Amino acid sequence: LFYSCSLNIYFLAMVKYNKTDHYIRTKMEPFLHGIPIGISLMFAAALLATQGFNSDLGNGCISPIYDPPHCIGIEDGEVREGFEIPCGRGRGGP
């Protein structure tokens, strides 16, 4: 998503504003790479700090909430007997 915005800004600078390659390379490119990487790292750190990742639920771009059938009627954060992961894990993420 963020790199898509960077590409749009790049093409806007090239086509509409006729910026040179040198200008884009020296003035814009560090921001066009740095901002998407920085925002992504901040979101990843926030999810990691709040235990918002549930890696055992498949591959995806979002972090699903850990809410299996054995958690029905159980409060978030409680661990049912015979299980290790607390119910409702992942709700605290940003």
Protein backbone atom coordinates (compact mmCIF):
# COMPACT_ATOMS: atom_id res chain seq x y z
CA LEU A 1 0.00 0.00 0.00
CA PHE A 2 2.68 2.49 1.00
CA TYR A 3 4.96 1.60 -1.91
CA SER A 4 2.01 2.02 -4.24
CA CYS A 5 1.62 5.58 -2.99
CA SER A 6 5.35 6.14 -3.51
CA LEU A 7 5.09 4.92 -7.10
CA ASN A 8 2.16 7.25 -7.72
CA ILE A 9 4.15 10.19 -6.36
CA TYR A 10 7.14 9.19 -8.48
CA PHE A 11 5.10 9.09 -11.70
CA LEU A 12 3.36 12.34 -10.78
CA ALA A 13 6.75 14.02 -10.40
CA MET A 14 8.01 12.55 -13.69
CA VAL A 15 4.99 13.12 -15.89
CA LYS A 16 3.16 16.16 -14.55
CA TYR A 17 5.97 18.18 -12.97
CA ASN A 18 8.77 17.08 -15.38
CA LYS A 19 11.32 16.51 -12.62
CA THR A 20 14.71 15.23 -13.75
CA ASP A 21 16.09 11.83 -12.83
CA HIS A 22 18.82 13.52 -10.80
CA TYR A 23 16.29 15.53 -8.78
CA ILE A 24 14.16 12.46 -8.07
CA ARG A 25 17.18 10.33 -7.20
CA THR A 26 18.70 12.86 -4.81
CA LYS A 27 15.72 14.72 -3.33
CA MET A 28 12.72 12.39 -3.48
CA GLU A 29 13.90 8.80 -3.60
CA PRO A 30 15.13 8.58 0.01
CA PHE A 31 11.66 9.59 1.19
CA LEU A 32 9.87 7.38 -1.34
CA HIS A 33 11.69 4.38 0.16
CA GLY A 34 12.15 5.52 3.76
CA ILE A 35 8.58 6.49 4.61
CA PRO A 36 6.95 3.17 3.55
CA ILE A 37 9.66 1.14 5.28
CA GLY A 38 9.46 3.27 8.44
CA ILE A 39 5.66 3.09 8.68
CA SER A 40 5.69 -0.67 8.10
CA LEU A 41 8.32 -1.19 10.79
CA MET A 42 6.34 0.94 13.26
CA PHE A 43 3.16 -1.09 12.69
CA ALA A 44 5.11 -4.35 12.99
CA ALA A 45 6.74 -3.20 16.24
CA ALA A 46 3.37 -2.13 17.68
CA LEU A 47 1.82 -5.50 16.83
CA LEU A 48 4.82 -7.32 18.27
CA ALA A 49 4.71 -5.30 21.50
CA THR A 50 0.98 -5.96 22.00
CA GLN A 51 1.21 -9.64 21.01
CA GLY A 52 -0.96 -8.91 17.99
CA PHE A 53 0.67 -11.54 15.77
CA ASN A 54 -0.86 -15.00 15.59
CA SER A 55 1.53 -16.78 13.26
CA ASP A 56 -0.11 -20.20 13.54
CA LEU A 57 -3.27 -19.11 11.71
CA GLY A 58 -1.92 -19.03 8.15
CA ASN A 59 -0.27 -16.56 5.85
CA GLY A 60 -1.91 -13.21 5.36
CA CYS A 61 -1.41 -9.48 5.44
CA ILE A 62 -3.48 -9.00 8.56
CA SER A 63 -3.21 -10.53 11.98
CA PRO A 64 -6.39 -12.49 12.76
CA ILE A 65 -7.71 -12.77 16.30
CA TYR A 66 -7.11 -16.08 18.05
CA ASP A 67 -10.70 -17.10 18.80
CA PRO A 68 -11.09 -20.89 18.33
CA PRO A 69 -14.24 -22.83 19.30
CA HIS A 70 -12.89 -23.83 22.74
CA CYS A 71 -12.87 -20.10 23.69
CA ILE A 72 -16.65 -19.64 23.45
CA GLY A 73 -17.86 -18.33 26.79
CA ILE A 74 -14.32 -17.65 28.03
CA GLU A 75 -13.07 -14.12 28.81
CA ASP A 76 -10.27 -12.65 26.70
CA GLY A 77 -6.87 -13.39 28.17
CA GLU A 78 -7.90 -16.57 29.99
CA VAL A 79 -6.18 -19.85 29.19
CA ARG A 80 -8.38 -22.91 29.17
CA GLU A 81 -7.10 -26.09 30.77
CA GLY A 82 -5.05 -28.13 28.31
CA PHE A 83 -4.20 -25.09 26.12
CA GLU A 84 -1.29 -22.64 26.14
CA ILE A 85 -2.45 -19.62 24.12
CA PRO A 86 -4.86 -17.20 25.81
CA CYS A 87 -8.28 -16.75 24.23
CA GLY A 88 -8.84 -13.50 22.34
CA ARG A 89 -5.14 -13.01 21.69
CA GLY A 90 -4.58 -10.37 19.03
CA ARG A 91 -7.37 -7.98 20.04
CA GLY A 92 -4.91 -5.56 21.65
CA GLY A 93 -3.10 -4.70 18.39
CA PRO A 94 -3.40 -1.33 16.65
